[in-house]
Amino acid sequence: MSRVCAGLDTEIAAFREQALIRAEFPYVDLDATFCKARVGTHVVAQSPVMATGSWRPAPTRCW
């Protein structure tokens, strides 16, 4: 599994370092959650945030 993850490091780095200066997103949706993740030898609470840009508004959700 660690070989698979190591192979993804270069793809993830390229994705994270790409410039978004040519893109304009009039609508941006943000979502976050808490999860436990291993950092070094410790398990800690992390809060990943996901941002999605689009050209049209997200559908309204009624819960």
Protein backbone atom coordinates (compact mmCIF):
# COMPACT_ATOMS: atom_id res chain seq x y z
CA MET A 1 0.00 0.00 0.00
CA SER A 2 2.80 2.44 0.78
CA ARG A 3 4.19 1.95 -2.77
CA VAL A 4 0.79 2.88 -4.19
CA CYS A 5 0.60 6.00 -2.00
CA ALA A 6 4.18 6.97 -2.85
CA GLY A 7 3.31 6.76 -6.55
CA LEU A 8 0.45 9.20 -6.00
CA ASP A 9 2.68 11.81 -4.35
CA THR A 10 3.89 13.28 -7.66
CA GLU A 11 0.36 13.45 -9.09
CA ILE A 12 -0.99 15.08 -5.94
CA ALA A 13 1.88 17.59 -5.86
CA ALA A 14 1.23 18.56 -9.49
CA PHE A 15 -2.48 19.01 -8.77
CA ARG A 16 -1.88 21.11 -5.65
CA GLU A 17 0.67 23.36 -7.37
CA GLN A 18 -1.34 24.10 -10.51
CA ALA A 19 -2.21 27.73 -11.09
CA LEU A 20 -5.87 28.67 -11.20
CA ILE A 21 -5.30 32.20 -12.50
CA ARG A 22 -6.91 31.40 -15.87
CA ALA A 23 -10.08 30.10 -14.28
CA GLU A 24 -12.94 32.13 -12.87
CA PHE A 25 -15.57 30.46 -10.76
CA PRO A 26 -18.60 32.62 -9.95
CA TYR A 27 -19.92 29.92 -7.60
CA VAL A 28 -17.79 28.17 -4.99
CA ASP A 29 -19.16 25.52 -2.62
CA LEU A 30 -17.21 24.65 0.52
CA ASP A 31 -17.62 21.55 2.65
CA ALA A 32 -15.66 20.36 5.67
CA THR A 33 -15.73 17.52 8.14
CA PHE A 34 -13.67 16.17 11.04
CA CYS A 35 -11.85 12.86 10.87
CA LYS A 36 -8.97 11.16 12.62
CA ALA A 37 -5.71 10.91 10.68
CA ARG A 38 -2.25 9.61 11.37
CA VAL A 39 0.40 12.33 11.51
CA GLY A 40 3.77 10.75 12.10
CA THR A 41 3.23 8.36 14.98
CA HIS A 42 0.16 10.12 16.39
CA VAL A 43 -3.52 9.94 15.53
CA VAL A 44 -5.00 13.44 15.56
CA ALA A 45 -8.25 15.13 14.57
CA GLN A 46 -8.04 16.78 11.15
CA SER A 47 -10.52 18.93 9.28
CA PRO A 48 -10.26 18.44 5.52
CA VAL A 49 -11.96 21.14 3.45
CA MET A 50 -13.20 20.58 -0.09
CA ALA A 51 -13.86 23.50 -2.44
CA THR A 52 -15.73 23.02 -5.71
CA GLY A 53 -15.96 25.80 -8.28
CA SER A 54 -18.64 25.90 -10.96
CA TRP A 55 -20.35 28.16 -13.46
CA ARG A 56 -23.87 27.61 -12.12
CA PRO A 57 -25.31 27.61 -8.60
CA ALA A 58 -25.50 24.37 -6.68
CA PRO A 59 -28.99 22.90 -6.30
CA THR A 60 -30.76 23.92 -3.11
CA ARG A 61 -31.09 21.10 -0.63
CA CYS A 62 -33.93 20.83 1.84
CA TRP A 63 -33.25 18.51 4.75
